[in-house]
C-alpha cells in the first residue's frame, strides 16, 4: 500500500516538474522569437545598405570627376527619372538620375505599424519638408516614402558648399531642397528614454571632400563647393541592439595650457567626464555643426552606443551584432 502511495506521489511530482519546465519554455519563447526576428531584419538591413552603396559607386563611375553624391535623402521621389531627361532639380542624386528607383524597404517597417506611426510623429515634430503632409518644394520627394516604409537618411550633412535648391535653379541642378539640412537625433539613442522604433532600419550618409577645412581646421563646413571624394554609410538595427559607438555630440571651447598654447577642447554632452582635447600633433577633427550650436563628431566614442550595426567606409565594412 505504501508503495502505491509513493508511486503516486512520484508521478505527481514528475507531472509538476514537467509542467514547470513547459511553462518556462513557453515564457522564454516570445523573447527568443523576437531575437531571431530582429536578427533577420538586421541582416536584411545590411543587405539593403550594400545596395545603396552600389548605387553610390555607380554614380561615381559615371561622374566626370568621379565624385560621389553630395547628399542623399532616402525614401522615394515621384517622376524622378525619365529616360533621356536631365536630373530633377533639387532631387535626390540617386533617384533623380535613375541609380535607384526608390530606396530599399525598411525591414523593420512591417508588422504592427508602430514604427511608421512613431516615425511620422518624429518627422512632423522636426518639421521635415520631405514628409507626405508637407508642401514640399520638390514635388514627390519623400524621405521615408509615402507610408514611411522606406529607408531614409537621418543626417543633414551635405558636401561642403553644396547649394540649396531655389525656384531660380536650373532644371539640371540636382541641388538640396531648401530647409532639408535636417539632422534626426539618432546618436546616443540608448541613453535617451523610450523605445526608438523610428530609428530601426534607417541609415546615415556622411560625405567627405578633400581640402574642405576652414581656418579652424573643421571638416565639412560651408565653403566653395567641392567634389565628394569619399563617404561613410551606416545603418541602424533594433533598439534592443546597442551596436557600435561611433558618434558623439560635443560642445567646443578654446582652452590653453600653462605654456600659453591654445587647443580645442571637446566636452561630450551626454558624458561630460570624457572631456577630450587636441594638442601636439594637431589633426583636425571631422565635425558637423548641429542646429543647437554643438558639433556631431564621427569615429569618436563617448561610451554610449549608437545602435549602429554596420558602417561602410571606403570599401571597409564594420559590423557588430550586439548580441
C-alpha atoms as a PDB file:
ATOM      1  CA  UNK A   1       0.000   0.000   0.000  1.00  0.00           C
ATOM      2  CA  UNK A   2       2.798   2.386   0.923  1.00  0.00           C
ATOM      3  CA  UNK A   3       4.498   1.524  -2.348  1.00  0.00           C
ATOM      4  CA  UNK A   4       1.414   2.577  -4.293  1.00  0.00           C
ATOM      5  CA  UNK A   5       1.203   5.886  -2.403  1.00  0.00           C
ATOM      6  CA  UNK A   6       4.904   6.516  -3.064  1.00  0.00           C
ATOM      7  CA  UNK A   7       4.488   5.790  -6.746  1.00  0.00           C
ATOM      8  CA  UNK A   8       1.511   8.146  -6.978  1.00  0.00           C
ATOM      9  CA  UNK A   9       3.422  10.882  -5.177  1.00  0.00           C
ATOM     10  CA  UNK A  10       6.367  10.399  -7.517  1.00  0.00           C
ATOM     11  CA  UNK A  11       4.155  10.626 -10.563  1.00  0.00           C
ATOM     12  CA  UNK A  12       2.592  13.792  -9.177  1.00  0.00           C
ATOM     13  CA  UNK A  13       5.982  15.402  -8.600  1.00  0.00           C
ATOM     14  CA  UNK A  14       7.108  14.447 -12.078  1.00  0.00           C
ATOM     15  CA  UNK A  15       3.962  15.985 -13.544  1.00  0.00           C
ATOM     16  CA  UNK A  16       4.538  19.206 -11.593  1.00  0.00           C
ATOM     17  CA  UNK A  17       8.179  19.395 -12.721  1.00  0.00           C
ATOM     18  CA  UNK A  18       7.234  18.714 -16.332  1.00  0.00           C
ATOM     19  CA  UNK A  19       4.617  21.469 -16.153  1.00  0.00           C
ATOM     20  CA  UNK A  20       7.134  23.933 -14.722  1.00  0.00           C
ATOM     21  CA  UNK A  21       9.648  23.129 -17.439  1.00  0.00           C
ATOM     22  CA  UNK A  22       6.976  23.562 -20.112  1.00  0.00           C
ATOM     23  CA  UNK A  23       5.836  26.883 -18.637  1.00  0.00           C
ATOM     24  CA  UNK A  24       9.427  28.173 -18.515  1.00  0.00           C
ATOM     25  CA  UNK A  25       9.930  27.212 -22.163  1.00  0.00           C
ATOM     26  CA  UNK A  26       6.706  28.944 -23.161  1.00  0.00           C
ATOM     27  CA  UNK A  27       7.696  32.049 -21.189  1.00  0.00           C
ATOM     28  CA  UNK A  28      11.052  32.234 -22.994  1.00  0.00           C
ATOM     29  CA  UNK A  29       9.567  31.609 -26.434  1.00  0.00           C
ATOM     30  CA  UNK A  30       8.441  35.208 -27.213  1.00  0.00           C
ATOM     31  CA  UNK A  31      11.835  36.726 -26.369  1.00  0.00           C
ATOM     32  CA  UNK A  32      13.600  34.038 -28.389  1.00  0.00           C
ATOM     33  CA  UNK A  33      11.362  34.622 -31.399  1.00  0.00           C
ATOM     34  CA  UNK A  34      11.843  38.394 -31.082  1.00  0.00           C
ATOM     35  CA  UNK A  35      15.616  37.995 -31.006  1.00  0.00           C
ATOM     36  CA  UNK A  36      15.665  35.827 -34.124  1.00  0.00           C
ATOM     37  CA  UNK A  37      13.237  38.165 -35.888  1.00  0.00           C
ATOM     38  CA  UNK A  38      15.444  41.164 -35.081  1.00  0.00           C
ATOM     39  CA  UNK A  39      18.491  39.333 -36.384  1.00  0.00           C
ATOM     40  CA  UNK A  40      16.740  38.510 -39.639  1.00  0.00           C
ATOM     41  CA  UNK A  41      15.633  42.123 -40.088  1.00  0.00           C
ATOM     42  CA  UNK A  42      19.111  43.410 -39.302  1.00  0.00           C
ATOM     43  CA  UNK A  43      20.597  41.037 -41.862  1.00  0.00           C
ATOM     44  CA  UNK A  44      18.202  42.419 -44.467  1.00  0.00           C
ATOM     45  CA  UNK A  45      19.064  45.981 -43.402  1.00  0.00           C
ATOM     46  CA  UNK A  46      22.753  45.268 -44.038  1.00  0.00           C
ATOM     47  CA  UNK A  47      21.942  43.886 -47.486  1.00  0.00           C
ATOM     48  CA  UNK A  48      19.910  46.996 -48.251  1.00  0.00           C
ATOM     49  CA  UNK A  49      22.786  49.237 -47.212  1.00  0.00           C
ATOM     50  CA  UNK A  50      25.062  47.422 -49.641  1.00  0.00           C
ATOM     51  CA  UNK A  51      22.502  48.157 -52.376  1.00  0.00           C
ATOM     52  CA  UNK A  52      22.692  51.868 -51.556  1.00  0.00           C
ATOM     53  CA  UNK A  53      26.486  51.667 -51.603  1.00  0.00           C
ATOM     54  CA  UNK A  54      26.464  50.048 -55.053  1.00  0.00           C
ATOM     55  CA  UNK A  55      24.274  52.875 -56.330  1.00  0.00           C
ATOM     56  CA  UNK A  56      26.750  55.431 -54.930  1.00  0.00           C
ATOM     57  CA  UNK A  57      29.640  53.634 -56.625  1.00  0.00           C
ATOM     58  CA  UNK A  58      27.802  53.588 -59.966  1.00  0.00           C
ATOM     59  CA  UNK A  59      27.109  57.303 -59.560  1.00  0.00           C
ATOM     60  CA  UNK A  60      30.853  57.914 -59.040  1.00  0.00           C
ATOM     61  CA  UNK A  61      31.839  55.868 -62.097  1.00  0.00           C
ATOM     62  CA  UNK A  62      29.551  57.947 -64.308  1.00  0.00           C
ATOM     63  CA  UNK A  63      30.542  61.318 -62.795  1.00  0.00           C
ATOM     64  CA  UNK A  64      33.010  63.382 -64.810  1.00  0.00           C
ATOM     65  CA  UNK A  65      35.220  63.942 -61.738  1.00  0.00           C
ATOM     66  CA  UNK A  66      34.460  60.512 -60.216  1.00  0.00           C
ATOM     67  CA  UNK A  67      32.837  62.218 -57.236  1.00  0.00           C
ATOM     68  CA  UNK A  68      30.212  60.627 -55.015  1.00  0.00           C
ATOM     69  CA  UNK A  69      26.709  62.015 -54.343  1.00  0.00           C
ATOM     70  CA  UNK A  70      26.820  65.349 -52.464  1.00  0.00           C
ATOM     71  CA  UNK A  71      23.816  64.359 -50.357  1.00  0.00           C
ATOM     72  CA  UNK A  72      21.125  61.686 -50.052  1.00  0.00           C
ATOM     73  CA  UNK A  73      17.534  61.884 -48.896  1.00  0.00           C
ATOM     74  CA  UNK A  74      16.395  58.268 -48.961  1.00  0.00           C
ATOM     75  CA  UNK A  75      12.778  57.270 -49.490  1.00  0.00           C
ATOM     76  CA  UNK A  76      11.227  57.905 -52.881  1.00  0.00           C
ATOM     77  CA  UNK A  77      10.576  60.576 -55.479  1.00  0.00           C
ATOM     78  CA  UNK A  78       7.679  60.526 -57.891  1.00  0.00           C
ATOM     79  CA  UNK A  79       8.559  61.157 -61.523  1.00  0.00           C
ATOM     80  CA  UNK A  80      12.223  61.307 -60.513  1.00  0.00           C
ATOM     81  CA  UNK A  81      13.675  59.921 -63.702  1.00  0.00           C
ATOM     82  CA  UNK A  82      12.720  59.656 -67.334  1.00  0.00           C
ATOM     83  CA  UNK A  83      14.997  58.206 -69.968  1.00  0.00           C
ATOM     84  CA  UNK A  84      16.972  60.876 -71.798  1.00  0.00           C
ATOM     85  CA  UNK A  85      15.897  63.645 -69.400  1.00  0.00           C
ATOM     86  CA  UNK A  86      18.183  65.601 -67.035  1.00  0.00           C
ATOM     87  CA  UNK A  87      18.044  65.008 -63.252  1.00  0.00           C
ATOM     88  CA  UNK A  88      15.144  66.563 -61.380  1.00  0.00           C
ATOM     89  CA  UNK A  89      16.086  69.895 -59.822  1.00  0.00           C
ATOM     90  CA  UNK A  90      16.522  69.517 -56.089  1.00  0.00           C
ATOM     91  CA  UNK A  91      16.032  65.785 -56.208  1.00  0.00           C
ATOM     92  CA  UNK A  92      17.992  63.013 -54.582  1.00  0.00           C
ATOM     93  CA  UNK A  93      21.068  62.376 -56.787  1.00  0.00           C
ATOM     94  CA  UNK A  94      20.496  58.615 -56.912  1.00  0.00           C
ATOM     95  CA  UNK A  95      16.752  58.855 -57.515  1.00  0.00           C
ATOM     96  CA  UNK A  96      16.937  61.770 -59.904  1.00  0.00           C
ATOM     97  CA  UNK A  97      19.351  60.007 -62.257  1.00  0.00           C
ATOM     98  CA  UNK A  98      17.821  56.552 -62.018  1.00  0.00           C
ATOM     99  CA  UNK A  99      20.507  54.792 -59.987  1.00  0.00           C
ATOM    100  CA  UNK A 100      17.696  53.818 -57.623  1.00  0.00           C
ATOM    101  CA  UNK A 101      14.001  53.796 -58.468  1.00  0.00           C
ATOM    102  CA  UNK A 102      13.346  54.000 -54.733  1.00  0.00           C
ATOM    103  CA  UNK A 103      15.372  53.323 -51.627  1.00  0.00           C
ATOM    104  CA  UNK A 104      15.017  49.819 -50.173  1.00  0.00           C
ATOM    105  CA  UNK A 105      12.064  48.946 -47.972  1.00  0.00           C
ATOM    106  CA  UNK A 106      12.762  49.229 -44.264  1.00  0.00           C
ATOM    107  CA  UNK A 107      12.756  45.656 -42.876  1.00  0.00           C
ATOM    108  CA  UNK A 108      11.506  46.986 -39.530  1.00  0.00           C
ATOM    109  CA  UNK A 109       8.561  48.725 -41.178  1.00  0.00           C
ATOM    110  CA  UNK A 110       6.458  45.575 -41.335  1.00  0.00           C
ATOM    111  CA  UNK A 111       4.108  44.209 -38.715  1.00  0.00           C
ATOM    112  CA  UNK A 112       2.084  46.336 -36.299  1.00  0.00           C
ATOM    113  CA  UNK A 113       2.917  49.659 -37.954  1.00  0.00           C
ATOM    114  CA  UNK A 114       4.122  51.255 -34.715  1.00  0.00           C
ATOM    115  CA  UNK A 115       7.472  52.079 -36.327  1.00  0.00           C
ATOM    116  CA  UNK A 116       5.783  54.010 -39.132  1.00  0.00           C
ATOM    117  CA  UNK A 117       3.454  55.808 -36.717  1.00  0.00           C
ATOM    118  CA  UNK A 118       6.295  56.868 -34.434  1.00  0.00           C
ATOM    119  CA  UNK A 119       8.425  57.908 -37.409  1.00  0.00           C
ATOM    120  CA  UNK A 120       5.601  60.067 -38.771  1.00  0.00           C
ATOM    121  CA  UNK A 121       5.344  61.837 -35.404  1.00  0.00           C
ATOM    122  CA  UNK A 122       9.093  62.444 -35.240  1.00  0.00           C
ATOM    123  CA  UNK A 123       9.173  63.735 -38.818  1.00  0.00           C
ATOM    124  CA  UNK A 124       6.315  66.120 -38.101  1.00  0.00           C
ATOM    125  CA  UNK A 125       7.889  67.338 -34.846  1.00  0.00           C
ATOM    126  CA  UNK A 126      11.115  68.164 -36.710  1.00  0.00           C
ATOM    127  CA  UNK A 127       9.167  69.986 -39.468  1.00  0.00           C
ATOM    128  CA  UNK A 128      10.874  67.906 -42.108  1.00  0.00           C
ATOM    129  CA  UNK A 129       9.820  69.307 -45.517  1.00  0.00           C
ATOM    130  CA  UNK A 130      10.268  65.842 -47.039  1.00  0.00           C
ATOM    131  CA  UNK A 131       7.193  64.368 -45.359  1.00  0.00           C
ATOM    132  CA  UNK A 132       3.916  63.342 -47.006  1.00  0.00           C
ATOM    133  CA  UNK A 133       1.793  66.074 -45.392  1.00  0.00           C
ATOM    134  CA  UNK A 134       4.205  68.932 -46.178  1.00  0.00           C
ATOM    135  CA  UNK A 135       4.030  71.411 -49.026  1.00  0.00           C
ATOM    136  CA  UNK A 136       7.302  70.160 -50.496  1.00  0.00           C
ATOM    137  CA  UNK A 137       9.397  72.467 -52.678  1.00  0.00           C
ATOM    138  CA  UNK A 138      10.408  69.392 -54.664  1.00  0.00           C
ATOM    139  CA  UNK A 139       7.319  67.515 -55.848  1.00  0.00           C
ATOM    140  CA  UNK A 140       7.120  63.942 -54.641  1.00  0.00           C
ATOM    141  CA  UNK A 141      10.420  63.775 -52.710  1.00  0.00           C
ATOM    142  CA  UNK A 142       9.692  61.845 -49.511  1.00  0.00           C
ATOM    143  CA  UNK A 143      12.473  60.940 -47.068  1.00  0.00           C
ATOM    144  CA  UNK A 144      10.823  57.702 -45.891  1.00  0.00           C
ATOM    145  CA  UNK A 145       8.339  57.152 -48.698  1.00  0.00           C
ATOM    146  CA  UNK A 146       4.616  57.814 -48.800  1.00  0.00           C
ATOM    147  CA  UNK A 147       3.789  55.405 -45.956  1.00  0.00           C
ATOM    148  CA  UNK A 148       7.068  55.715 -44.016  1.00  0.00           C
ATOM    149  CA  UNK A 149       8.103  52.252 -45.107  1.00  0.00           C
ATOM    150  CA  UNK A 150      11.384  53.018 -46.918  1.00  0.00           C
ATOM    151  CA  UNK A 151      14.889  53.569 -45.580  1.00  0.00           C
ATOM    152  CA  UNK A 152      15.770  57.241 -45.130  1.00  0.00           C
ATOM    153  CA  UNK A 153      18.891  59.314 -44.422  1.00  0.00           C
ATOM    154  CA  UNK A 154      18.904  60.766 -40.897  1.00  0.00           C
ATOM    155  CA  UNK A 155      21.931  63.051 -41.304  1.00  0.00           C
ATOM    156  CA  UNK A 156      21.515  66.518 -42.804  1.00  0.00           C
ATOM    157  CA  UNK A 157      25.161  66.791 -43.848  1.00  0.00           C
ATOM    158  CA  UNK A 158      25.976  67.720 -47.440  1.00  0.00           C
ATOM    159  CA  UNK A 159      29.123  68.256 -49.452  1.00  0.00           C
ATOM    160  CA  UNK A 160      30.904  71.482 -48.463  1.00  0.00           C
ATOM    161  CA  UNK A 161      29.424  74.488 -50.214  1.00  0.00           C
ATOM    162  CA  UNK A 162      26.636  72.463 -51.796  1.00  0.00           C
ATOM    163  CA  UNK A 163      23.867  74.971 -52.633  1.00  0.00           C
ATOM    164  CA  UNK A 164      20.235  74.694 -51.696  1.00  0.00           C
ATOM    165  CA  UNK A 165      17.554  74.444 -54.346  1.00  0.00           C
ATOM    166  CA  UNK A 166      15.523  77.567 -55.142  1.00  0.00           C
ATOM    167  CA  UNK A 167      12.863  78.274 -57.692  1.00  0.00           C
ATOM    168  CA  UNK A 168      15.527  80.031 -59.795  1.00  0.00           C
ATOM    169  CA  UNK A 169      17.723  76.898 -60.049  1.00  0.00           C
ATOM    170  CA  UNK A 170      18.267  75.394 -63.446  1.00  0.00           C
ATOM    171  CA  UNK A 171      16.396  72.162 -64.124  1.00  0.00           C
ATOM    172  CA  UNK A 172      19.639  70.171 -64.396  1.00  0.00           C
ATOM    173  CA  UNK A 173      20.873  71.250 -60.949  1.00  0.00           C
ATOM    174  CA  UNK A 174      20.481  68.327 -58.531  1.00  0.00           C
ATOM    175  CA  UNK A 175      20.552  70.667 -55.563  1.00  0.00           C
ATOM    176  CA  UNK A 176      19.486  70.276 -51.973  1.00  0.00           C
ATOM    177  CA  UNK A 177      15.830  71.151 -51.317  1.00  0.00           C
ATOM    178  CA  UNK A 178      15.545  74.266 -49.194  1.00  0.00           C
ATOM    179  CA  UNK A 179      15.338  73.520 -45.469  1.00  0.00           C
ATOM    180  CA  UNK A 180      16.481  69.888 -45.793  1.00  0.00           C
ATOM    181  CA  UNK A 181      19.748  70.204 -43.888  1.00  0.00           C
ATOM    182  CA  UNK A 182      17.961  68.437 -41.094  1.00  0.00           C
ATOM    183  CA  UNK A 183      19.516  66.133 -38.503  1.00  0.00           C
ATOM    184  CA  UNK A 184      17.432  63.464 -36.801  1.00  0.00           C
ATOM    185  CA  UNK A 185      18.708  62.813 -33.231  1.00  0.00           C
ATOM    186  CA  UNK A 186      20.000  59.299 -33.877  1.00  0.00           C
ATOM    187  CA  UNK A 187      23.266  59.437 -31.882  1.00  0.00           C
ATOM    188  CA  UNK A 188      23.396  58.156 -28.276  1.00  0.00           C
ATOM    189  CA  UNK A 189      19.847  56.820 -28.673  1.00  0.00           C
ATOM    190  CA  UNK A 190      20.156  54.127 -25.957  1.00  0.00           C
ATOM    191  CA  UNK A 191      20.838  56.916 -23.441  1.00  0.00           C
ATOM    192  CA  UNK A 192      17.514  58.592 -24.233  1.00  0.00           C
ATOM    193  CA  UNK A 193      14.267  57.430 -22.610  1.00  0.00           C
ATOM    194  CA  UNK A 194      11.763  55.327 -24.505  1.00  0.00           C
ATOM    195  CA  UNK A 195      11.959  52.811 -27.311  1.00  0.00           C
ATOM    196  CA  UNK A 196      13.134  54.380 -30.537  1.00  0.00           C
ATOM    197  CA  UNK A 197      11.174  52.357 -33.075  1.00  0.00           C
ATOM    198  CA  UNK A 198      11.575  55.142 -35.652  1.00  0.00           C
ATOM    199  CA  UNK A 199      15.380  54.671 -35.715  1.00  0.00           C
ATOM    200  CA  UNK A 200      15.302  50.989 -36.646  1.00  0.00           C
ATOM    201  CA  UNK A 201      16.379  50.199 -40.213  1.00  0.00           C
ATOM    202  CA  UNK A 202      17.321  53.791 -41.146  1.00  0.00           C
ATOM    203  CA  UNK A 203      20.739  54.922 -42.419  1.00  0.00           C
ATOM    204  CA  UNK A 204      23.142  57.865 -42.405  1.00  0.00           C
ATOM    205  CA  UNK A 205      25.315  59.229 -45.214  1.00  0.00           C
ATOM    206  CA  UNK A 206      28.411  61.302 -44.365  1.00  0.00           C
ATOM    207  CA  UNK A 207      30.050  62.789 -47.497  1.00  0.00           C
ATOM    208  CA  UNK A 208      33.678  63.914 -47.355  1.00  0.00           C
ATOM    209  CA  UNK A 209      35.645  66.260 -49.599  1.00  0.00           C
ATOM    210  CA  UNK A 210      39.400  66.819 -49.740  1.00  0.00           C
ATOM    211  CA  UNK A 211      40.514  70.261 -48.696  1.00  0.00           C
ATOM    212  CA  UNK A 212      37.193  71.079 -47.026  1.00  0.00           C
ATOM    213  CA  UNK A 213      38.634  72.667 -43.901  1.00  0.00           C
ATOM    214  CA  UNK A 214      38.383  76.221 -42.718  1.00  0.00           C
ATOM    215  CA  UNK A 215      40.936  78.197 -40.720  1.00  0.00           C
ATOM    216  CA  UNK A 216      39.808  76.423 -37.530  1.00  0.00           C
ATOM    217  CA  UNK A 217      40.506  73.017 -39.025  1.00  0.00           C
ATOM    218  CA  UNK A 218      36.950  71.719 -39.135  1.00  0.00           C
ATOM    219  CA  UNK A 219      35.938  69.447 -41.972  1.00  0.00           C
ATOM    220  CA  UNK A 220      32.664  69.588 -43.910  1.00  0.00           C
ATOM    221  CA  UNK A 221      31.897  73.253 -43.333  1.00  0.00           C
ATOM    222  CA  UNK A 222      30.347  75.800 -45.673  1.00  0.00           C
ATOM    223  CA  UNK A 223      32.886  76.823 -48.304  1.00  0.00           C
ATOM    224  CA  UNK A 224      33.262  76.786 -52.050  1.00  0.00           C
ATOM    225  CA  UNK A 225      31.521  73.745 -53.499  1.00  0.00           C
ATOM    226  CA  UNK A 226      33.893  70.781 -53.521  1.00  0.00           C
ATOM    227  CA  UNK A 227      33.535  67.324 -55.072  1.00  0.00           C
ATOM    228  CA  UNK A 228      32.844  64.445 -52.699  1.00  0.00           C
ATOM    229  CA  UNK A 229      35.858  62.132 -52.689  1.00  0.00           C
ATOM    230  CA  UNK A 230      34.654  59.694 -50.034  1.00  0.00           C
ATOM    231  CA  UNK A 231      31.820  58.850 -47.701  1.00  0.00           C
ATOM    232  CA  UNK A 232      30.725  56.815 -44.732  1.00  0.00           C
ATOM    233  CA  UNK A 233      27.442  54.947 -44.868  1.00  0.00           C
ATOM    234  CA  UNK A 234      25.888  53.254 -41.851  1.00  0.00           C
ATOM    235  CA  UNK A 235      22.653  51.564 -40.803  1.00  0.00           C
ATOM    236  CA  UNK A 236      20.817  51.206 -37.504  1.00  0.00           C
ATOM    237  CA  UNK A 237      19.436  47.982 -36.077  1.00  0.00           C
ATOM    238  CA  UNK A 238      16.859  47.037 -33.477  1.00  0.00           C
ATOM    239  CA  UNK A 239      16.516  49.288 -30.445  1.00  0.00           C
ATOM    240  CA  UNK A 240      17.401  46.187 -28.423  1.00  0.00           C
ATOM    241  CA  UNK A 241      20.802  46.055 -30.137  1.00  0.00           C
ATOM    242  CA  UNK A 242      23.060  48.766 -28.741  1.00  0.00           C
ATOM    243  CA  UNK A 243      25.555  48.238 -31.561  1.00  0.00           C
ATOM    244  CA  UNK A 244      28.654  50.360 -32.183  1.00  0.00           C
ATOM    245  CA  UNK A 245      29.691  53.651 -30.588  1.00  0.00           C
ATOM    246  CA  UNK A 246      30.921  55.940 -33.369  1.00  0.00           C
ATOM    247  CA  UNK A 247      29.153  59.268 -32.756  1.00  0.00           C
ATOM    248  CA  UNK A 248      29.294  61.887 -30.054  1.00  0.00           C
ATOM    249  CA  UNK A 249      27.620  65.270 -29.664  1.00  0.00           C
ATOM    250  CA  UNK A 250      30.202  67.661 -28.217  1.00  0.00           C
ATOM    251  CA  UNK A 251      30.332  71.253 -27.158  1.00  0.00           C
ATOM    252  CA  UNK A 252      33.501  73.021 -28.266  1.00  0.00           C
ATOM    253  CA  UNK A 253      35.590  75.506 -26.326  1.00  0.00           C
ATOM    254  CA  UNK A 254      39.039  77.011 -26.752  1.00  0.00           C
ATOM    255  CA  UNK A 255      41.455  76.244 -23.903  1.00  0.00           C
ATOM    256  CA  UNK A 256      45.111  76.935 -23.183  1.00  0.00           C
ATOM    257  CA  UNK A 257      47.845  75.213 -21.212  1.00  0.00           C
ATOM    258  CA  UNK A 258      50.411  76.649 -18.821  1.00  0.00           C
ATOM    259  CA  UNK A 259      52.726  77.472 -21.727  1.00  0.00           C
ATOM    260  CA  UNK A 260      50.046  79.575 -23.396  1.00  0.00           C
ATOM    261  CA  UNK A 261      49.350  77.096 -26.186  1.00  0.00           C
ATOM    262  CA  UNK A 262      45.738  77.082 -27.377  1.00  0.00           C
ATOM    263  CA  UNK A 263      43.837  73.935 -28.297  1.00  0.00           C
ATOM    264  CA  UNK A 264      40.301  72.745 -28.974  1.00  0.00           C
ATOM    265  CA  UNK A 265      38.542  71.144 -26.040  1.00  0.00           C
ATOM    266  CA  UNK A 266      35.584  68.838 -26.692  1.00  0.00           C
ATOM    267  CA  UNK A 267      33.034  68.012 -23.999  1.00  0.00           C
ATOM    268  CA  UNK A 268      30.535  65.197 -24.757  1.00  0.00           C
ATOM    269  CA  UNK A 269      27.034  66.436 -23.976  1.00  0.00           C
ATOM    270  CA  UNK A 270      25.849  63.048 -22.736  1.00  0.00           C
ATOM    271  CA  UNK A 271      29.062  62.109 -20.911  1.00  0.00           C
ATOM    272  CA  UNK A 272      30.941  65.254 -19.760  1.00  0.00           C
ATOM    273  CA  UNK A 273      33.514  63.151 -17.856  1.00  0.00           C
ATOM    274  CA  UNK A 274      35.094  62.145 -21.178  1.00  0.00           C
ATOM    275  CA  UNK A 275      36.445  65.599 -21.980  1.00  0.00           C
ATOM    276  CA  UNK A 276      38.944  65.468 -24.867  1.00  0.00           C
ATOM    277  CA  UNK A 277      41.372  67.922 -26.368  1.00  0.00           C
ATOM    278  CA  UNK A 278      43.574  68.187 -29.443  1.00  0.00           C
ATOM    279  CA  UNK A 279      47.214  69.040 -28.816  1.00  0.00           C
ATOM    280  CA  UNK A 280      50.696  68.207 -30.067  1.00  0.00           C
ATOM    281  CA  UNK A 281      50.449  66.544 -33.467  1.00  0.00           C
ATOM    282  CA  UNK A 282      47.360  68.510 -34.426  1.00  0.00           C
ATOM    283  CA  UNK A 283      44.915  66.587 -36.595  1.00  0.00           C
ATOM    284  CA  UNK A 284      41.640  68.385 -37.341  1.00  0.00           C
ATOM    285  CA  UNK A 285      38.532  66.537 -36.271  1.00  0.00           C
ATOM    286  CA  UNK A 286      35.781  65.694 -38.738  1.00  0.00           C
ATOM    287  CA  UNK A 287      32.837  67.535 -37.230  1.00  0.00           C
ATOM    288  CA  UNK A 288      29.347  68.566 -38.302  1.00  0.00           C
ATOM    289  CA  UNK A 289      27.785  71.706 -36.847  1.00  0.00           C
ATOM    290  CA  UNK A 290      24.326  70.985 -35.435  1.00  0.00           C
ATOM    291  CA  UNK A 291      21.454  73.434 -35.262  1.00  0.00           C
ATOM    292  CA  UNK A 292      21.843  73.771 -31.477  1.00  0.00           C
ATOM    293  CA  UNK A 293      25.434  75.010 -31.814  1.00  0.00           C
ATOM    294  CA  UNK A 294      27.097  71.757 -30.734  1.00  0.00           C
ATOM    295  CA  UNK A 295      29.146  69.518 -33.018  1.00  0.00           C
ATOM    296  CA  UNK A 296      28.438  65.964 -34.108  1.00  0.00           C
ATOM    297  CA  UNK A 297      31.711  64.049 -34.385  1.00  0.00           C
ATOM    298  CA  UNK A 298      32.172  60.762 -36.212  1.00  0.00           C
ATOM    299  CA  UNK A 299      34.589  57.953 -35.350  1.00  0.00           C
ATOM    300  CA  UNK A 300      34.863  59.304 -31.806  1.00  0.00           C
ATOM    301  CA  UNK A 301      33.392  57.226 -28.998  1.00  0.00           C
ATOM    302  CA  UNK A 302      31.840  58.691 -25.869  1.00  0.00           C
ATOM    303  CA  UNK A 303      30.965  55.462 -24.074  1.00  0.00           C
ATOM    304  CA  UNK A 304      27.346  55.463 -25.308  1.00  0.00           C
ATOM    305  CA  UNK A 305      26.401  53.093 -28.190  1.00  0.00           C
ATOM    306  CA  UNK A 306      24.556  54.399 -31.250  1.00  0.00           C
ATOM    307  CA  UNK A 307      22.547  51.331 -32.397  1.00  0.00           C
ATOM    308  CA  UNK A 308      24.841  51.051 -35.448  1.00  0.00           C
ATOM    309  CA  UNK A 309      25.078  47.529 -36.853  1.00  0.00           C
ATOM    310  CA  UNK A 310      27.182  48.216 -39.959  1.00  0.00           C
ATOM    311  CA  UNK A 311      29.319  51.026 -41.385  1.00  0.00           C
ATOM    312  CA  UNK A 312      30.659  51.065 -44.938  1.00  0.00           C
ATOM    313  CA  UNK A 313      33.625  53.354 -45.318  1.00  0.00           C
ATOM    314  CA  UNK A 314      35.842  53.386 -48.407  1.00  0.00           C
ATOM    315  CA  UNK A 315      35.158  49.723 -49.071  1.00  0.00           C
ATOM    316  CA  UNK A 316      35.562  48.683 -45.409  1.00  0.00           C
ATOM    317  CA  UNK A 317      32.641  47.000 -43.662  1.00  0.00           C
ATOM    318  CA  UNK A 318      32.471  47.204 -39.884  1.00  0.00           C
ATOM    319  CA  UNK A 319      29.705  45.056 -38.396  1.00  0.00           C
ATOM    320  CA  UNK A 320      28.659  44.347 -34.854  1.00  0.00           C
ATOM    321  CA  UNK A 321      25.693  42.237 -33.888  1.00  0.00           C
ATOM    322  CA  UNK A 322      25.383  43.420 -30.316  1.00  0.00           C
ATOM    323  CA  UNK A 323      24.052  40.091 -29.139  1.00  0.00           C
END
